[in-house]
Amino acid sequence: MSSSLKEVAARAGVSARTVSNVVNGSARVSAQTRQRVQEAIDELGYRPNLAARSLRAGRTGIIGLAIPELHSPYFGELAGLLVDEARRRSWTVIIDQTHGDAEAERRLLTGDGGRVMDGLIISPWALEAQDLATTAPSLPMVLLGERSPQGMADRVAVDNVAAADEATTHLLTLGRRRIAAIGLQPHLQNGTAEQRAEGYRRALRRAGVRPRPEWERAVGSLHRREGARAMAELLDGGTAPDAVFAFTDELALGAMHMAHTRGVRVPEELAIVGFDDIEDGRFSHPTLTTVSPDKRQIAARALQCLADRIYSPDNEVPASDLTIPHRLVVRGSTSGTQAH
């Protein structure tokens, strides 16, 4: 038989209200107290009546996750982590694929189709900062990525400028000077690509290397095929680069494939760095040097922000703008080693 909330409170030495805050995911509980309550919950096998609790509070226990592409390894890994984190809060996640379409993103923000979800986590690709600032969200929301919500919602993102700078600087320290970039998307208002290009150029200028427009390659998508096409153009363009910074691992893997096809040795003749730290890069040949965002922390912080807004709808605290750490993982595509 499941224990009661009062029994959990007595075991943990806290009030019933504190136990309720922990169960509901409120941020108003210290880490030490939260751990003590969680241990009591686990020891006593306490299981809250989620249906009754949601009914009383007018909530469904369902949240939405809107991402541009389900088949993207990065978004697939991130979605899995978000679902796992949501399950710990006894939430169900509905996943929607926007394909980076502005109307699809706007429809989710405004809640067309009725209120089914308690909150939404969305990674917008098409809507610009001004669109986000002027579109009043119909429910608690957290943004993932580079679009500035201008105080309209919480945002969780990686510092793409700093990360791209670090990746390019790594190539420069290897003595590479003909460094190309693959991943610009001028046909989209893609903040991610713009920021990674900015970091790439910043690192070059700091090292006294003039950015060359002909070595900055635009892509129609962020997938392997486009990386291979862009790499072929670079190799056919006269003076070939001796390094590539690709804005995603998929682009990097496509570029690496084309280099192999053309007989260009990686990393001896061409060093390659990607971005995202997807699993495929750990098993390529050579293994792929990459910028690794802390995807687990992105998921945890996004869910915590959403919980704070759902359970404290009248909270006047300003929207958070959280920067999640990243690290450069050096592997065989730049070092000649196969370290994982």
Protein backbone atom coordinates (compact mmCIF):
# COMPACT_ATOMS: atom_id res chain seq x y z
CA MET A 1 0.00 0.00 0.00
CA SER A 2 1.38 3.41 -0.95
CA SER A 3 2.32 5.75 1.85
CA SER A 4 0.71 9.16 2.28
CA LEU A 5 2.20 12.59 1.75
CA LYS A 6 2.10 13.21 5.51
CA GLU A 7 4.12 10.05 6.14
CA VAL A 8 6.75 11.21 3.67
CA ALA A 9 6.86 14.60 5.41
CA ALA A 10 7.34 12.95 8.79
CA ARG A 11 10.10 10.67 7.49
CA ALA A 12 11.95 13.59 5.87
CA GLY A 13 11.36 15.95 8.78
CA VAL A 14 9.70 18.61 6.65
CA SER A 15 6.20 20.00 6.15
CA ALA A 16 3.63 18.44 3.85
CA ARG A 17 3.84 21.61 1.78
CA THR A 18 7.55 21.04 1.20
CA VAL A 19 6.89 17.49 0.03
CA SER A 20 4.24 18.85 -2.34
CA ASN A 21 6.73 21.39 -3.70
CA VAL A 22 9.26 18.63 -4.37
CA VAL A 23 6.69 16.41 -6.10
CA ASN A 24 5.54 19.35 -8.22
CA GLY A 25 9.09 20.27 -9.21
CA SER A 26 9.06 23.70 -7.58
CA ALA A 27 12.37 25.54 -7.45
CA ARG A 28 11.59 26.89 -3.96
CA VAL A 29 13.27 23.94 -2.25
CA SER A 30 16.98 23.69 -1.47
CA ALA A 31 18.97 20.89 -3.09
CA GLN A 32 19.68 19.32 0.32
CA THR A 33 16.03 19.31 1.35
CA ARG A 34 14.95 18.06 -2.08
CA GLN A 35 17.33 15.11 -1.78
CA ARG A 36 16.09 14.26 1.73
CA VAL A 37 12.47 14.32 0.58
CA GLN A 38 13.26 12.25 -2.52
CA GLU A 39 14.97 9.63 -0.36
CA ALA A 40 11.89 9.47 1.86
CA ILE A 41 9.65 9.11 -1.18
CA ASP A 42 11.79 6.26 -2.51
CA GLU A 43 11.99 4.50 0.87
CA LEU A 44 8.24 4.67 1.49
CA GLY A 45 7.20 4.02 -2.10
CA TYR A 46 5.04 7.14 -2.16
CA ARG A 47 3.09 7.58 -5.39
CA PRO A 48 1.02 10.77 -5.71
CA ASN A 49 -2.41 10.61 -7.28
CA LEU A 50 -1.44 12.47 -10.41
CA ALA A 51 -4.83 12.42 -12.07
CA ALA A 52 -6.58 13.88 -9.03
CA ARG A 53 -3.86 16.44 -8.48
CA SER A 54 -3.96 17.61 -12.09
CA LEU A 55 -7.76 17.76 -12.08
CA ARG A 56 -7.82 19.92 -8.95
CA ALA A 57 -5.21 22.26 -10.36
CA GLY A 58 -6.76 22.45 -13.81
CA ARG A 59 -3.69 20.83 -15.40
CA THR A 60 -3.34 17.89 -17.76
CA GLY A 61 0.14 16.61 -16.86
CA ILE A 62 1.03 16.95 -20.56
CA ILE A 63 3.70 19.22 -22.01
CA GLY A 64 4.69 19.83 -25.60
CA LEU A 65 8.09 19.66 -27.28
CA ALA A 66 8.39 21.30 -30.71
CA ILE A 67 11.59 20.68 -32.65
CA PRO A 68 12.48 21.32 -36.31
CA GLU A 69 13.47 17.76 -37.26
CA LEU A 70 12.79 14.44 -35.62
CA HIS A 71 15.36 12.64 -37.76
CA SER A 72 18.19 14.97 -36.73
CA PRO A 73 20.55 13.04 -34.41
CA TYR A 74 21.06 16.13 -32.24
CA PHE A 75 17.36 16.84 -31.76
CA GLY A 76 16.66 13.12 -31.38
CA GLU A 77 19.16 12.83 -28.51
CA LEU A 78 17.87 16.02 -26.91
CA ALA A 79 14.26 14.90 -27.19
CA GLY A 80 15.11 11.61 -25.49
CA LEU A 81 16.76 13.44 -22.59
CA LEU A 82 13.79 15.80 -22.25
CA VAL A 83 11.34 12.90 -22.20
CA ASP A 84 13.40 11.13 -19.52
CA GLU A 85 13.56 14.29 -17.41
CA ALA A 86 9.82 14.89 -17.84
CA ARG A 87 9.05 11.32 -16.77
CA ARG A 88 10.77 12.02 -13.45
CA ARG A 89 8.18 14.73 -12.94
CA SER A 90 5.37 12.37 -14.00
CA TRP A 91 4.75 14.43 -17.14
CA THR A 92 3.81 13.09 -20.55
CA VAL A 93 5.50 14.73 -23.55
CA ILE A 94 3.82 15.32 -26.91
CA ILE A 95 6.43 15.88 -29.63
CA ASP A 96 5.70 17.98 -32.72
CA GLN A 97 7.91 18.48 -35.78
CA THR A 98 7.80 21.99 -37.25
CA HIS A 99 10.21 21.54 -40.20
CA GLY A 100 11.35 25.08 -39.40
CA ASP A 101 8.07 26.43 -40.79
CA ALA A 102 7.10 29.87 -39.48
CA GLU A 103 3.35 29.23 -39.46
CA ALA A 104 3.75 25.92 -37.65
CA GLU A 105 5.88 27.61 -34.99
CA ARG A 106 3.46 30.54 -34.65
CA ARG A 107 0.48 28.19 -34.33
CA LEU A 108 2.14 26.39 -31.44
CA LEU A 109 3.02 29.64 -29.70
CA THR A 110 -0.51 30.99 -29.91
CA GLY A 111 -2.10 27.69 -28.90
CA ASP A 112 -4.36 27.16 -31.91
CA GLY A 113 -6.30 23.94 -31.54
CA GLY A 114 -7.27 24.31 -27.89
CA ARG A 115 -5.46 23.97 -24.59
CA VAL A 116 -4.26 20.42 -24.20
CA MET A 117 -0.78 21.09 -22.84
CA ASP A 118 0.31 22.67 -19.58
CA GLY A 119 3.44 24.13 -21.17
CA LEU A 120 5.65 24.09 -24.24
CA ILE A 121 9.36 23.74 -24.97
CA ILE A 122 10.14 24.90 -28.50
CA SER A 123 13.23 25.29 -30.67
CA PRO A 124 12.19 27.91 -33.24
CA TRP A 125 14.02 28.08 -36.55
CA ALA A 126 11.83 30.28 -38.73
CA LEU A 127 10.41 32.94 -36.42
CA GLU A 128 12.67 35.93 -35.86
CA ALA A 129 13.28 37.66 -32.54
CA GLN A 130 10.68 40.32 -33.36
CA ASP A 131 8.07 37.66 -34.13
CA LEU A 132 8.71 35.99 -30.80
CA ALA A 133 8.58 39.29 -28.92
CA THR A 134 5.22 40.27 -30.42
CA THR A 135 3.55 36.84 -30.27
CA ALA A 136 1.90 36.47 -26.90
CA PRO A 137 2.30 32.85 -25.72
CA SER A 138 -0.93 31.18 -24.67
CA LEU A 139 0.75 28.94 -22.10
CA PRO A 140 4.01 28.66 -20.13
CA MET A 141 6.87 28.33 -22.57
CA VAL A 142 10.64 27.81 -22.74
CA LEU A 143 12.70 28.55 -25.85
CA LEU A 144 15.69 26.47 -26.89
CA GLY A 145 18.34 28.08 -29.03
CA GLU A 146 19.47 31.46 -30.24
CA ARG A 147 16.27 33.39 -30.82
CA SER A 148 16.07 36.15 -28.20
CA PRO A 149 12.60 36.18 -26.60
CA GLN A 150 13.24 39.73 -25.31
CA GLY A 151 11.85 38.89 -21.90
CA MET A 152 8.78 37.13 -23.28
CA ALA A 153 9.81 33.64 -22.13
CA ASP A 154 12.63 31.71 -20.51
CA ARG A 155 15.43 30.70 -22.86
CA VAL A 156 18.06 27.96 -22.64
CA ALA A 157 20.95 28.13 -25.10
CA VAL A 158 24.62 27.50 -25.78
CA ASP A 159 27.04 30.38 -26.40
CA ASN A 160 27.51 29.62 -30.09
CA VAL A 161 29.88 32.51 -30.72
CA ALA A 162 32.28 31.38 -27.99
CA ALA A 163 31.96 27.71 -29.00
CA ALA A 164 32.70 28.43 -32.68
CA ASP A 165 35.60 30.65 -31.67
CA GLU A 166 37.03 27.81 -29.56
CA ALA A 167 36.64 25.28 -32.39
CA THR A 168 38.35 27.56 -34.91
CA THR A 169 41.10 28.49 -32.45
CA HIS A 170 41.82 24.79 -31.99
CA LEU A 171 42.43 24.49 -35.73
CA LEU A 172 44.63 27.58 -35.69
CA THR A 173 46.77 26.16 -32.88
CA LEU A 174 47.44 23.14 -35.10
CA GLY A 175 49.05 25.48 -37.61
CA ARG A 176 46.11 25.45 -40.01
CA ARG A 177 45.50 28.77 -41.78
CA ARG A 178 43.27 27.91 -44.75
CA ILE A 179 40.23 27.22 -42.59
CA ALA A 180 36.85 26.89 -44.31
CA ALA A 181 33.41 27.05 -42.71
CA ILE A 182 30.48 24.88 -43.81
CA GLY A 183 26.97 25.62 -42.58
CA LEU A 184 25.89 29.18 -43.36
CA GLN A 185 22.17 29.49 -44.12
CA PRO A 186 21.48 32.93 -45.61
CA HIS A 187 18.09 31.75 -46.91
CA LEU A 188 16.92 31.38 -43.31
CA GLN A 189 16.97 33.77 -40.37
CA ASN A 190 19.02 31.10 -38.62
CA GLY A 191 20.52 32.60 -35.48
CA THR A 192 22.58 29.48 -34.83
CA ALA A 193 24.41 29.67 -38.16
CA GLU A 194 24.91 33.42 -37.86
CA GLN A 195 26.45 33.12 -34.41
CA ARG A 196 28.73 30.23 -35.34
CA ALA A 197 29.92 32.18 -38.38
CA GLU A 198 30.59 35.16 -36.12
CA GLY A 199 32.70 33.06 -33.75
CA TYR A 200 34.60 31.50 -36.67
CA ARG A 201 35.47 34.91 -38.13
CA ARG A 202 36.37 36.35 -34.74
CA ALA A 203 38.94 33.63 -34.12
CA LEU A 204 40.48 34.09 -37.56
CA ARG A 205 40.81 37.86 -37.17
CA ARG A 206 42.33 37.53 -33.72
CA ALA A 207 45.01 35.27 -35.24
CA GLY A 208 45.66 37.72 -38.06
CA VAL A 209 43.99 35.54 -40.69
CA ARG A 210 41.65 37.33 -43.08
CA PRO A 211 38.28 35.57 -43.46
CA ARG A 212 37.74 34.61 -47.09
CA PRO A 213 34.13 34.64 -48.36
CA GLU A 214 34.90 31.89 -50.87
CA TRP A 215 35.74 29.55 -47.98
CA GLU A 216 32.41 30.16 -46.25
CA ARG A 217 29.96 27.67 -47.72
CA ALA A 218 26.19 27.95 -47.48
CA VAL A 219 24.03 24.84 -47.19
CA GLY A 220 20.41 24.07 -47.91
CA SER A 221 20.14 21.80 -44.86
CA LEU A 222 22.36 20.70 -42.00
CA HIS A 223 22.76 17.10 -43.19
CA ARG A 224 25.55 14.90 -44.55
CA ARG A 225 24.65 15.33 -48.22
CA GLU A 226 25.06 19.10 -47.97
CA GLY A 227 28.34 18.73 -46.10
CA ALA A 228 29.67 16.49 -48.86
CA ARG A 229 28.51 18.89 -51.59
CA ALA A 230 30.10 21.89 -49.87
CA MET A 231 33.37 19.97 -49.37
CA ALA A 232 33.46 19.05 -53.06
CA GLU A 233 33.03 22.72 -54.01
CA LEU A 234 35.90 23.69 -51.69
CA LEU A 235 38.20 21.02 -53.15
CA ASP A 236 37.32 22.10 -56.70
CA GLY A 237 37.80 25.81 -55.99
CA GLY A 238 41.51 26.22 -56.60
CA THR A 239 43.52 26.47 -53.38
CA ALA A 240 42.04 23.81 -51.12
CA PRO A 241 41.53 24.45 -47.39
CA ASP A 242 43.67 22.63 -44.85
CA ALA A 243 40.89 22.64 -42.23
CA VAL A 244 37.10 22.82 -41.97
CA PHE A 245 34.84 23.98 -39.19
CA ALA A 246 31.39 22.49 -39.87
CA PHE A 247 28.42 23.95 -38.03
CA THR A 248 26.98 20.48 -37.25
CA ASP A 249 28.46 17.01 -36.91
CA GLU A 250 26.31 15.79 -39.79
CA LEU A 251 27.85 18.40 -42.08
CA ALA A 252 31.30 17.43 -40.78
CA LEU A 253 30.70 13.74 -41.46
CA GLY A 254 29.54 14.55 -44.99
CA ALA A 255 32.66 16.65 -45.55
CA MET A 256 34.85 13.85 -44.21
CA HIS A 257 33.20 11.36 -46.56
CA MET A 258 33.90 13.58 -49.56
CA ALA A 259 37.51 14.07 -48.45
CA HIS A 260 37.98 10.30 -48.31
CA THR A 261 36.35 9.95 -51.74
CA ARG A 262 38.78 12.48 -53.21
CA GLY A 263 41.81 10.87 -51.59
CA VAL A 264 42.38 13.71 -49.11
CA ARG A 265 43.79 12.36 -45.84
CA VAL A 266 42.11 13.38 -42.56
CA PRO A 267 43.64 14.83 -40.43
CA GLU A 268 47.05 14.90 -42.17
CA GLU A 269 45.92 17.06 -45.10
CA LEU A 270 42.55 18.24 -43.82
CA ALA A 271 41.55 18.72 -40.18
CA ILE A 272 37.81 18.73 -39.46
CA VAL A 273 35.80 19.95 -36.45
CA GLY A 274 32.05 19.51 -36.04
CA PHE A 275 29.44 20.68 -33.57
CA ASP A 276 26.86 18.76 -31.47
CA ASP A 277 28.76 15.62 -30.35
CA ILE A 278 26.32 13.14 -31.86
CA GLU A 279 27.00 9.44 -31.40
CA ASP A 280 27.93 8.84 -35.05
CA GLY A 281 31.00 11.05 -34.66
CA ARG A 282 32.42 8.73 -32.02
CA PHE A 283 32.43 5.84 -34.49
CA SER A 284 33.52 7.55 -37.72
CA HIS A 285 36.98 6.99 -39.15
CA PRO A 286 38.76 8.96 -37.95
CA THR A 287 36.63 9.87 -34.98
CA LEU A 288 35.28 13.40 -35.09
CA THR A 289 36.54 16.35 -33.05
CA THR A 290 33.46 18.31 -32.01
CA VAL A 291 31.94 20.95 -29.79
CA SER A 292 29.88 19.12 -27.18
CA PRO A 293 26.97 21.07 -25.67
CA ASP A 294 25.80 19.72 -22.31
CA LYS A 295 22.56 18.28 -23.70
CA ARG A 296 21.61 16.68 -20.38
CA GLN A 297 21.82 20.06 -18.66
CA ILE A 298 19.86 21.72 -21.47
CA ALA A 299 17.05 19.23 -20.82
CA ALA A 300 17.17 19.59 -17.04
CA ARG A 301 17.24 23.39 -17.01
CA ALA A 302 14.51 23.70 -19.64
CA LEU A 303 12.20 21.39 -17.65
CA GLN A 304 12.94 23.26 -14.40
CA CYS A 305 12.12 26.61 -16.02
CA LEU A 306 8.89 25.19 -17.39
CA ALA A 307 7.93 23.68 -14.02
CA ASP A 308 8.49 27.01 -12.29
CA ARG A 309 6.12 28.73 -14.71
CA ILE A 310 3.47 26.01 -14.63
CA TYR A 311 3.29 25.72 -10.85
CA SER A 312 3.69 29.45 -10.19
CA PRO A 313 1.63 31.06 -12.96
CA ASP A 314 1.51 34.40 -11.14
CA ASN A 315 5.28 34.45 -10.65
CA GLU A 316 6.55 37.94 -11.46
CA VAL A 317 10.19 36.87 -11.66
CA PRO A 318 11.74 38.08 -14.96
CA ALA A 319 12.26 35.48 -17.66
CA SER A 320 15.56 33.61 -17.39
CA ASP A 321 18.19 33.63 -20.13
CA LEU A 322 20.37 30.61 -19.35
CA THR A 323 23.66 29.77 -21.05
CA ILE A 324 24.57 26.09 -20.90
CA PRO A 325 28.24 25.07 -20.87
CA HIS A 326 30.01 23.34 -23.75
CA ARG A 327 33.40 21.72 -24.24
CA LEU A 328 35.64 20.90 -27.16
CA VAL A 329 36.17 17.14 -27.51
CA VAL A 330 39.38 16.51 -29.44
CA ARG A 331 39.40 13.25 -31.43
CA GLY A 332 41.03 11.76 -34.50
CA SER A 333 39.85 14.23 -37.16
CA THR A 334 42.25 16.86 -35.79
CA SER A 335 44.71 14.99 -33.58
CA GLY A 336 45.37 11.71 -35.33
CA THR A 337 44.26 9.82 -32.20
CA GLN A 338 41.12 7.74 -31.80
CA ALA A 339 40.27 8.82 -28.26
CA HIS A 340 36.59 8.74 -27.33
